[in-house]
Amino acid sequence: MFGLSKDYQVFVVSTIQAEYARGLSARDAVREGLTRSATILVSAPLIMMSVFGSFILNGDPVVKQFGVGGGSGPGVTAAIRVGAGQASS
């Protein structure tokens, strides 16, 4: 989850930097960068949760554990990202 979180952070910060380079103020660049990247910050974890969630349907308890752990991680990460993004606006 740490690697996924860092990938998202790099994506968001590079989007904010691009908006700032276009001439927006720092506050507006952050707002626009978060707005433009929100679709990916929400849809990517939903896809990962769906894929890992499908592991829960397997009969093997070990695979089910991977499904629960792998499915809940992106959801928690997305919730923190969205919450932190809204708090910084």
PDB file of N, CA and C in Angstrom:
ATOM      1  N   MET A   1       0.818  -1.184   0.000  1.00  0.00           N
ATOM      2  CA  MET A   1       0.000   0.000   0.000  1.00  0.00           C
ATOM      3  C   MET A   1       0.871   1.261   0.000  1.00  0.00           C
ATOM      4  N   PHE A   2       2.064   1.159   0.582  1.00  0.00           N
ATOM      5  CA  PHE A   2       2.947   2.325   0.599  1.00  0.00           C
ATOM      6  C   PHE A   2       3.314   2.741  -0.819  1.00  0.00           C
ATOM      7  N   GLY A   3       3.647   1.768  -1.665  1.00  0.00           N
ATOM      8  CA  GLY A   3       4.001   2.072  -3.054  1.00  0.00           C
ATOM      9  C   GLY A   3       2.839   2.690  -3.801  1.00  0.00           C
ATOM     10  N   LEU A   4       1.645   2.154  -3.597  1.00  0.00           N
ATOM     11  CA  LEU A   4       0.453   2.701  -4.241  1.00  0.00           C
ATOM     12  C   LEU A   4       0.201   4.132  -3.776  1.00  0.00           C
ATOM     13  N   SER A   5       0.361   4.358  -2.498  1.00  0.00           N
ATOM     14  CA  SER A   5       0.163   5.692  -1.945  1.00  0.00           C
ATOM     15  C   SER A   5       1.158   6.689  -2.538  1.00  0.00           C
ATOM     16  N   LYS A   6       2.401   6.269  -2.684  1.00  0.00           N
ATOM     17  CA  LYS A   6       3.417   7.153  -3.260  1.00  0.00           C
ATOM     18  C   LYS A   6       3.138   7.426  -4.733  1.00  0.00           C
ATOM     19  N   ASP A   7       2.655   6.415  -5.469  1.00  0.00           N
ATOM     20  CA  ASP A   7       2.290   6.640  -6.871  1.00  0.00           C
ATOM     21  C   ASP A   7       1.208   7.703  -6.980  1.00  0.00           C
ATOM     22  N   TYR A   8       0.193   7.607  -6.119  1.00  0.00           N
ATOM     23  CA  TYR A   8      -0.874   8.604  -6.130  1.00  0.00           C
ATOM     24  C   TYR A   8      -0.331   9.980  -5.784  1.00  0.00           C
ATOM     25  N   GLN A   9       0.561  10.029  -4.800  1.00  0.00           N
ATOM     26  CA  GLN A   9       1.115  11.309  -4.373  1.00  0.00           C
ATOM     27  C   GLN A   9       1.897  11.960  -5.510  1.00  0.00           C
ATOM     28  N   VAL A  10       2.711  11.177  -6.207  1.00  0.00           N
ATOM     29  CA  VAL A  10       3.476  11.709  -7.334  1.00  0.00           C
ATOM     30  C   VAL A  10       2.525  12.217  -8.415  1.00  0.00           C
ATOM     31  N   PHE A  11       1.473  11.469  -8.681  1.00  0.00           N
ATOM     32  CA  PHE A  11       0.506  11.888  -9.692  1.00  0.00           C
ATOM     33  C   PHE A  11      -0.167  13.205  -9.309  1.00  0.00           C
ATOM     34  N   VAL A  12      -0.609  13.313  -8.070  1.00  0.00           N
ATOM     35  CA  VAL A  12      -1.302  14.533  -7.626  1.00  0.00           C
ATOM     36  C   VAL A  12      -0.348  15.724  -7.628  1.00  0.00           C
ATOM     37  N   VAL A  13       0.844  15.539  -7.079  1.00  0.00           N
ATOM     38  CA  VAL A  13       1.799  16.649  -6.990  1.00  0.00           C
ATOM     39  C   VAL A  13       2.232  17.100  -8.383  1.00  0.00           C
ATOM     40  N   SER A  14       2.422  16.164  -9.311  1.00  0.00           N
ATOM     41  CA  SER A  14       2.804  16.571 -10.663  1.00  0.00           C
ATOM     42  C   SER A  14       1.664  17.311 -11.358  1.00  0.00           C
ATOM     43  N   THR A  15       0.428  16.936 -11.074  1.00  0.00           N
ATOM     44  CA  THR A  15      -0.710  17.660 -11.641  1.00  0.00           C
ATOM     45  C   THR A  15      -0.794  19.071 -11.049  1.00  0.00           C
ATOM     46  N   ILE A  16      -0.577  19.184  -9.754  1.00  0.00           N
ATOM     47  CA  ILE A  16      -0.579  20.507  -9.108  1.00  0.00           C
ATOM     48  C   ILE A  16       0.552  21.368  -9.666  1.00  0.00           C
ATOM     49  N   GLN A  17       1.733  20.778  -9.844  1.00  0.00           N
ATOM     50  CA  GLN A  17       2.877  21.523 -10.372  1.00  0.00           C
ATOM     51  C   GLN A  17       2.592  22.003 -11.788  1.00  0.00           C
ATOM     52  N   ALA A  18       1.934  21.180 -12.597  1.00  0.00           N
ATOM     53  CA  ALA A  18       1.596  21.583 -13.966  1.00  0.00           C
ATOM     54  C   ALA A  18       0.623  22.760 -13.963  1.00  0.00           C
ATOM     55  N   GLU A  19      -0.325  22.737 -13.049  1.00  0.00           N
ATOM     56  CA  GLU A  19      -1.277  23.855 -12.951  1.00  0.00           C
ATOM     57  C   GLU A  19      -0.570  25.131 -12.487  1.00  0.00           C
ATOM     58  N   TYR A  20       0.353  24.991 -11.564  1.00  0.00           N
ATOM     59  CA  TYR A  20       1.113  26.152 -11.091  1.00  0.00           C
ATOM     60  C   TYR A  20       1.976  26.721 -12.213  1.00  0.00           C
ATOM     61  N   ALA A  21       2.572  25.829 -13.000  1.00  0.00           N
ATOM     62  CA  ALA A  21       3.407  26.270 -14.129  1.00  0.00           C
ATOM     63  C   ALA A  21       2.573  26.979 -15.198  1.00  0.00           C
ATOM     64  N   ARG A  22       1.283  26.639 -15.270  1.00  0.00           N
ATOM     65  CA  ARG A  22       0.391  27.315 -16.218  1.00  0.00           C
ATOM     66  C   ARG A  22       0.072  28.746 -15.782  1.00  0.00           C
ATOM     67  N   GLY A  23       0.434  29.095 -14.550  1.00  0.00           N
ATOM     68  CA  GLY A  23       0.250  30.469 -14.107  1.00  0.00           C
ATOM     69  C   GLY A  23      -0.784  30.651 -13.011  1.00  0.00           C
ATOM     70  N   LEU A  24      -1.358  29.564 -12.501  1.00  0.00           N
ATOM     71  CA  LEU A  24      -2.331  29.699 -11.420  1.00  0.00           C
ATOM     72  C   LEU A  24      -1.618  30.008 -10.107  1.00  0.00           C
ATOM     73  N   SER A  25      -2.328  30.636  -9.189  1.00  0.00           N
ATOM     74  CA  SER A  25      -1.761  30.859  -7.859  1.00  0.00           C
ATOM     75  C   SER A  25      -1.606  29.504  -7.175  1.00  0.00           C
ATOM     76  N   ALA A  26      -0.839  29.484  -6.095  1.00  0.00           N
ATOM     77  CA  ALA A  26      -0.590  28.209  -5.408  1.00  0.00           C
ATOM     78  C   ALA A  26      -1.898  27.583  -4.927  1.00  0.00           C
ATOM     79  N   ARG A  27      -2.765  28.369  -4.337  1.00  0.00           N
ATOM     80  CA  ARG A  27      -4.042  27.855  -3.831  1.00  0.00           C
ATOM     81  C   ARG A  27      -4.902  27.327  -4.970  1.00  0.00           C
ATOM     82  N   ASP A  28      -4.981  28.080  -6.060  1.00  0.00           N
ATOM     83  CA  ASP A  28      -5.788  27.636  -7.202  1.00  0.00           C
ATOM     84  C   ASP A  28      -5.175  26.420  -7.886  1.00  0.00           C
ATOM     85  N   ALA A  29      -3.846  26.336  -7.909  1.00  0.00           N
ATOM     86  CA  ALA A  29      -3.176  25.182  -8.507  1.00  0.00           C
ATOM     87  C   ALA A  29      -3.478  23.915  -7.713  1.00  0.00           C
ATOM     88  N   VAL A  30      -3.472  24.020  -6.392  1.00  0.00           N
ATOM     89  CA  VAL A  30      -3.802  22.864  -5.555  1.00  0.00           C
ATOM     90  C   VAL A  30      -5.253  22.457  -5.789  1.00  0.00           C
ATOM     91  N   ARG A  31      -6.134  23.424  -5.783  1.00  0.00           N
ATOM     92  CA  ARG A  31      -7.555  23.124  -5.987  1.00  0.00           C
ATOM     93  C   ARG A  31      -7.782  22.473  -7.352  1.00  0.00           C
ATOM     94  N   GLU A  32      -7.206  23.034  -8.393  1.00  0.00           N
ATOM     95  CA  GLU A  32      -7.390  22.505  -9.750  1.00  0.00           C
ATOM     96  C   GLU A  32      -6.706  21.145  -9.899  1.00  0.00           C
ATOM     97  N   GLY A  33      -5.523  20.980  -9.312  1.00  0.00           N
ATOM     98  CA  GLY A  33      -4.813  19.707  -9.391  1.00  0.00           C
ATOM     99  C   GLY A  33      -5.579  18.580  -8.717  1.00  0.00           C
ATOM    100  N   LEU A  34      -6.135  18.860  -7.545  1.00  0.00           N
ATOM    101  CA  LEU A  34      -6.933  17.851  -6.863  1.00  0.00           C
ATOM    102  C   LEU A  34      -8.214  17.537  -7.629  1.00  0.00           C
ATOM    103  N   THR A  35      -8.812  18.551  -8.212  1.00  0.00           N
ATOM    104  CA  THR A  35     -10.037  18.338  -8.985  1.00  0.00           C
ATOM    105  C   THR A  35      -9.757  17.486 -10.214  1.00  0.00           C
ATOM    106  N   ARG A  36      -8.685  17.804 -10.918  1.00  0.00           N
ATOM    107  CA  ARG A  36      -8.363  17.060 -12.149  1.00  0.00           C
ATOM    108  C   ARG A  36      -7.949  15.626 -11.867  1.00  0.00           C
ATOM    109  N   SER A  37      -7.318  15.372 -10.734  1.00  0.00           N
ATOM    110  CA  SER A  37      -6.849  14.015 -10.441  1.00  0.00           C
ATOM    111  C   SER A  37      -7.831  13.209  -9.603  1.00  0.00           C
ATOM    112  N   ALA A  38      -8.939  13.797  -9.201  1.00  0.00           N
ATOM    113  CA  ALA A  38      -9.897  13.105  -8.331  1.00  0.00           C
ATOM    114  C   ALA A  38     -10.475  11.854  -8.978  1.00  0.00           C
ATOM    115  N   THR A  39     -10.716  11.883 -10.272  1.00  0.00           N
ATOM    116  CA  THR A  39     -11.294  10.721 -10.953  1.00  0.00           C
ATOM    117  C   THR A  39     -10.388   9.509 -10.821  1.00  0.00           C
ATOM    118  N   ILE A  40      -9.100   9.703 -11.025  1.00  0.00           N
ATOM    119  CA  ILE A  40      -8.158   8.589 -10.924  1.00  0.00           C
ATOM    120  C   ILE A  40      -7.973   8.175  -9.470  1.00  0.00           C
ATOM    121  N   LEU A  41      -7.951   9.141  -8.559  1.00  0.00           N
ATOM    122  CA  LEU A  41      -7.752   8.823  -7.150  1.00  0.00           C
ATOM    123  C   LEU A  41      -8.912   8.023  -6.572  1.00  0.00           C
ATOM    124  N   VAL A  42     -10.063   8.073  -7.206  1.00  0.00           N
ATOM    125  CA  VAL A  42     -11.218   7.304  -6.743  1.00  0.00           C
ATOM    126  C   VAL A  42     -11.402   6.029  -7.564  1.00  0.00           C
ATOM    127  N   SER A  43     -11.258   6.112  -8.873  1.00  0.00           N
ATOM    128  CA  SER A  43     -11.538   4.944  -9.704  1.00  0.00           C
ATOM    129  C   SER A  43     -10.481   3.848  -9.582  1.00  0.00           C
ATOM    130  N   ALA A  44      -9.215   4.183  -9.464  1.00  0.00           N
ATOM    131  CA  ALA A  44      -8.168   3.161  -9.350  1.00  0.00           C
ATOM    132  C   ALA A  44      -8.351   2.292  -8.097  1.00  0.00           C
ATOM    133  N   PRO A  45      -8.585   2.886  -6.920  1.00  0.00           N
ATOM    134  CA  PRO A  45      -8.830   2.028  -5.752  1.00  0.00           C
ATOM    135  C   PRO A  45     -10.114   1.196  -5.886  1.00  0.00           C
ATOM    136  N   LEU A  46     -11.133   1.731  -6.524  1.00  0.00           N
ATOM    137  CA  LEU A  46     -12.360   0.947  -6.710  1.00  0.00           C
ATOM    138  C   LEU A  46     -12.101  -0.283  -7.568  1.00  0.00           C
ATOM    139  N   ILE A  47     -11.298  -0.125  -8.606  1.00  0.00           N
ATOM    140  CA  ILE A  47     -10.952  -1.270  -9.447  1.00  0.00           C
ATOM    141  C   ILE A  47     -10.154  -2.289  -8.643  1.00  0.00           C
ATOM    142  N   MET A  48      -9.177  -1.812  -7.879  1.00  0.00           N
ATOM    143  CA  MET A  48      -8.365  -2.737  -7.076  1.00  0.00           C
ATOM    144  C   MET A  48      -9.206  -3.445  -6.017  1.00  0.00           C
ATOM    145  N   MET A  49     -10.144  -2.713  -5.403  1.00  0.00           N
ATOM    146  CA  MET A  49     -11.017  -3.336  -4.411  1.00  0.00           C
ATOM    147  C   MET A  49     -11.887  -4.410  -5.055  1.00  0.00           C
ATOM    148  N   SER A  50     -12.335  -4.180  -6.269  1.00  0.00           N
ATOM    149  CA  SER A  50     -13.144  -5.176  -6.971  1.00  0.00           C
ATOM    150  C   SER A  50     -12.334  -6.431  -7.282  1.00  0.00           C
ATOM    151  N   VAL A  51     -11.120  -6.232  -7.759  1.00  0.00           N
ATOM    152  CA  VAL A  51     -10.274  -7.382  -8.097  1.00  0.00           C
ATOM    153  C   VAL A  51      -9.930  -8.188  -6.849  1.00  0.00           C
ATOM    154  N   PHE A  52      -9.428  -7.504  -5.821  1.00  0.00           N
ATOM    155  CA  PHE A  52      -9.084  -8.226  -4.595  1.00  0.00           C
ATOM    156  C   PHE A  52     -10.327  -8.784  -3.912  1.00  0.00           C
ATOM    157  N   GLY A  53     -11.433  -8.066  -3.999  1.00  0.00           N
ATOM    158  CA  GLY A  53     -12.673  -8.555  -3.405  1.00  0.00           C
ATOM    159  C   GLY A  53     -13.148  -9.849  -4.027  1.00  0.00           C
ATOM    160  N   SER A  54     -12.835 -10.046  -5.294  1.00  0.00           N
ATOM    161  CA  SER A  54     -13.238 -11.297  -5.938  1.00  0.00           C
ATOM    162  C   SER A  54     -12.493 -12.501  -5.360  1.00  0.00           C
ATOM    163  N   PHE A  55     -11.351 -12.275  -4.731  1.00  0.00           N
ATOM    164  CA  PHE A  55     -10.615 -13.370  -4.089  1.00  0.00           C
ATOM    165  C   PHE A  55     -11.405 -13.961  -2.923  1.00  0.00           C
ATOM    166  N   ILE A  56     -12.310 -13.185  -2.354  1.00  0.00           N
ATOM    167  CA  ILE A  56     -13.098 -13.651  -1.214  1.00  0.00           C
ATOM    168  C   ILE A  56     -14.001 -14.816  -1.623  1.00  0.00           C
ATOM    169  N   LEU A  57     -14.357 -14.888  -2.902  1.00  0.00           N
ATOM    170  CA  LEU A  57     -15.229 -15.955  -3.388  1.00  0.00           C
ATOM    171  C   LEU A  57     -14.514 -17.304  -3.478  1.00  0.00           C
ATOM    172  N   ASN A  58     -13.193 -17.314  -3.376  1.00  0.00           N
ATOM    173  CA  ASN A  58     -12.410 -18.542  -3.443  1.00  0.00           C
ATOM    174  C   ASN A  58     -12.627 -19.356  -2.177  1.00  0.00           C
ATOM    175  N   GLY A  59     -12.542 -20.666  -2.294  1.00  0.00           N
ATOM    176  CA  GLY A  59     -12.757 -21.540  -1.139  1.00  0.00           C
ATOM    177  C   GLY A  59     -11.589 -21.615  -0.182  1.00  0.00           C
ATOM    178  N   ASP A  60     -10.406 -21.285  -0.624  1.00  0.00           N
ATOM    179  CA  ASP A  60      -9.208 -21.368   0.209  1.00  0.00           C
ATOM    180  C   ASP A  60      -9.165 -20.197   1.188  1.00  0.00           C
ATOM    181  N   PRO A  61      -9.062 -20.481   2.504  1.00  0.00           N
ATOM    182  CA  PRO A  61      -9.045 -19.390   3.493  1.00  0.00           C
ATOM    183  C   PRO A  61      -7.871 -18.421   3.323  1.00  0.00           C
ATOM    184  N   VAL A  62      -6.725 -18.918   2.870  1.00  0.00           N
ATOM    185  CA  VAL A  62      -5.567 -18.029   2.685  1.00  0.00           C
ATOM    186  C   VAL A  62      -5.857 -17.027   1.568  1.00  0.00           C
ATOM    187  N   VAL A  63      -6.451 -17.498   0.478  1.00  0.00           N
ATOM    188  CA  VAL A  63      -6.790 -16.600  -0.633  1.00  0.00           C
ATOM    189  C   VAL A  63      -7.841 -15.594  -0.181  1.00  0.00           C
ATOM    190  N   LYS A  64      -8.799 -16.036   0.648  1.00  0.00           N
ATOM    191  CA  LYS A  64      -9.810 -15.114   1.180  1.00  0.00           C
ATOM    192  C   LYS A  64      -9.166 -14.010   2.018  1.00  0.00           C
ATOM    193  N   GLN A  65      -8.143 -14.367   2.794  1.00  0.00           N
ATOM    194  CA  GLN A  65      -7.455 -13.367   3.603  1.00  0.00           C
ATOM    195  C   GLN A  65      -6.774 -12.320   2.725  1.00  0.00           C
ATOM    196  N   PHE A  66      -6.161 -12.782   1.635  1.00  0.00           N
ATOM    197  CA  PHE A  66      -5.573 -11.828   0.694  1.00  0.00           C
ATOM    198  C   PHE A  66      -6.648 -10.933   0.096  1.00  0.00           C
ATOM    199  N   GLY A  67      -7.812 -11.489  -0.150  1.00  0.00           N
ATOM    200  CA  GLY A  67      -8.914 -10.699  -0.695  1.00  0.00           C
ATOM    201  C   GLY A  67      -9.365  -9.614   0.265  1.00  0.00           C
ATOM    202  N   VAL A  68      -9.496  -9.973   1.529  1.00  0.00           N
ATOM    203  CA  VAL A  68      -9.931  -8.981   2.531  1.00  0.00           C
ATOM    204  C   VAL A  68      -8.847  -7.928   2.737  1.00  0.00           C
ATOM    205  N   GLY A  69      -7.609  -8.355   2.911  1.00  0.00           N
ATOM    206  CA  GLY A  69      -6.512  -7.407   3.138  1.00  0.00           C
ATOM    207  C   GLY A  69      -6.243  -6.533   1.934  1.00  0.00           C
ATOM    208  N   GLY A  70      -6.147  -7.164   0.777  1.00  0.00           N
ATOM    209  CA  GLY A  70      -5.873  -6.406  -0.446  1.00  0.00           C
ATOM    210  C   GLY A  70      -7.020  -5.516  -0.863  1.00  0.00           C
ATOM    211  N   GLY A  71      -8.239  -5.917  -0.534  1.00  0.00           N
ATOM    212  CA  GLY A  71      -9.400  -5.105  -0.896  1.00  0.00           C
ATOM    213  C   GLY A  71      -9.634  -3.936   0.040  1.00  0.00           C
ATOM    214  N   SER A  72      -9.298  -4.113   1.303  1.00  0.00           N
ATOM    215  CA  SER A  72      -9.536  -3.020   2.252  1.00  0.00           C
ATOM    216  C   SER A  72      -8.447  -1.949   2.193  1.00  0.00           C
ATOM    217  N   GLY A  73      -7.231  -2.323   1.833  1.00  0.00           N
ATOM    218  CA  GLY A  73      -6.119  -1.366   1.769  1.00  0.00           C
ATOM    219  C   GLY A  73      -6.364  -0.200   0.821  1.00  0.00           C
ATOM    220  N   PRO A  74      -6.710  -0.473  -0.444  1.00  0.00           N
ATOM    221  CA  PRO A  74      -6.985   0.645  -1.362  1.00  0.00           C
ATOM    222  C   PRO A  74      -8.166   1.506  -0.919  1.00  0.00           C
ATOM    223  N   GLY A  75      -9.151   0.896  -0.286  1.00  0.00           N
ATOM    224  CA  GLY A  75     -10.298   1.675   0.198  1.00  0.00           C
ATOM    225  C   GLY A  75      -9.909   2.649   1.292  1.00  0.00           C
ATOM    226  N   VAL A  76      -9.095   2.176   2.217  1.00  0.00           N
ATOM    227  CA  VAL A  76      -8.621   3.048   3.300  1.00  0.00           C
ATOM    228  C   VAL A  76      -7.732   4.152   2.735  1.00  0.00           C
ATOM    229  N   THR A  77      -6.843   3.779   1.821  1.00  0.00           N
ATOM    230  CA  THR A  77      -5.958   4.762   1.205  1.00  0.00           C
ATOM    231  C   THR A  77      -6.748   5.831   0.469  1.00  0.00           C
ATOM    232  N   ALA A  78      -7.761   5.419  -0.289  1.00  0.00           N
ATOM    233  CA  ALA A  78      -8.585   6.384  -1.034  1.00  0.00           C
ATOM    234  C   ALA A  78      -9.353   7.295  -0.087  1.00  0.00           C
ATOM    235  N   ALA A  79      -9.881   6.731   0.987  1.00  0.00           N
ATOM    236  CA  ALA A  79     -10.632   7.547   1.944  1.00  0.00           C
ATOM    237  C   ALA A  79      -9.730   8.602   2.589  1.00  0.00           C
ATOM    238  N   ILE A  80      -8.519   8.219   2.926  1.00  0.00           N
ATOM    239  CA  ILE A  80      -7.574   9.176   3.519  1.00  0.00           C
ATOM    240  C   ILE A  80      -7.204  10.247   2.505  1.00  0.00           C
ATOM    241  N   ARG A  81      -6.948   9.838   1.260  1.00  0.00           N
ATOM    242  CA  ARG A  81      -6.574  10.803   0.205  1.00  0.00           C
ATOM    243  C   ARG A  81      -7.700  11.804  -0.038  1.00  0.00           C
ATOM    244  N   VAL A  82      -8.917  11.314  -0.137  1.00  0.00           N
ATOM    245  CA  VAL A  82     -10.039  12.215  -0.401  1.00  0.00           C
ATOM    246  C   VAL A  82     -10.267  13.120   0.789  1.00  0.00           C
ATOM    247  N   GLY A  83     -10.204  12.553   1.989  1.00  0.00           N
ATOM    248  CA  GLY A  83     -10.389  13.364   3.204  1.00  0.00           C
ATOM    249  C   GLY A  83      -9.313  14.406   3.370  1.00  0.00           C
ATOM    250  N   ALA A  84      -8.067  14.030   3.124  1.00  0.00           N
ATOM    251  CA  ALA A  84      -6.958  14.987   3.248  1.00  0.00           C
ATOM    252  C   ALA A  84      -7.041  16.051   2.164  1.00  0.00           C
ATOM    253  N   GLY A  85      -7.481  15.659   0.992  1.00  0.00           N
ATOM    254  CA  GLY A  85      -7.627  16.621  -0.095  1.00  0.00           C
ATOM    255  C   GLY A  85      -8.687  17.657   0.212  1.00  0.00           C
ATOM    256  N   GLN A  86      -9.780  17.215   0.796  1.00  0.00           N
ATOM    257  CA  GLN A  86     -10.847  18.152   1.142  1.00  0.00           C
ATOM    258  C   GLN A  86     -10.434  19.046   2.305  1.00  0.00           C
ATOM    259  N   ALA A  87      -9.638  18.505   3.211  1.00  0.00           N
ATOM    260  CA  ALA A  87      -9.205  19.302   4.359  1.00  0.00           C
ATOM    261  C   ALA A  87      -8.234  20.391   3.942  1.00  0.00           C
ATOM    262  N   SER A  88      -7.482  20.154   2.877  1.00  0.00           N
ATOM    263  CA  SER A  88      -6.478  21.144   2.477  1.00  0.00           C
ATOM    264  C   SER A  88      -7.052  22.245   1.604  1.00  0.00           C
ATOM    265  N   SER A  89      -8.275  22.083   1.143  1.00  0.00           N
ATOM    266  CA  SER A  89      -8.866  23.103   0.241  1.00  0.00           C
ATOM    267  C   SER A  89      -9.345  24.304   0.992  1.00  0.00           C
TER     268      SER A  89
END
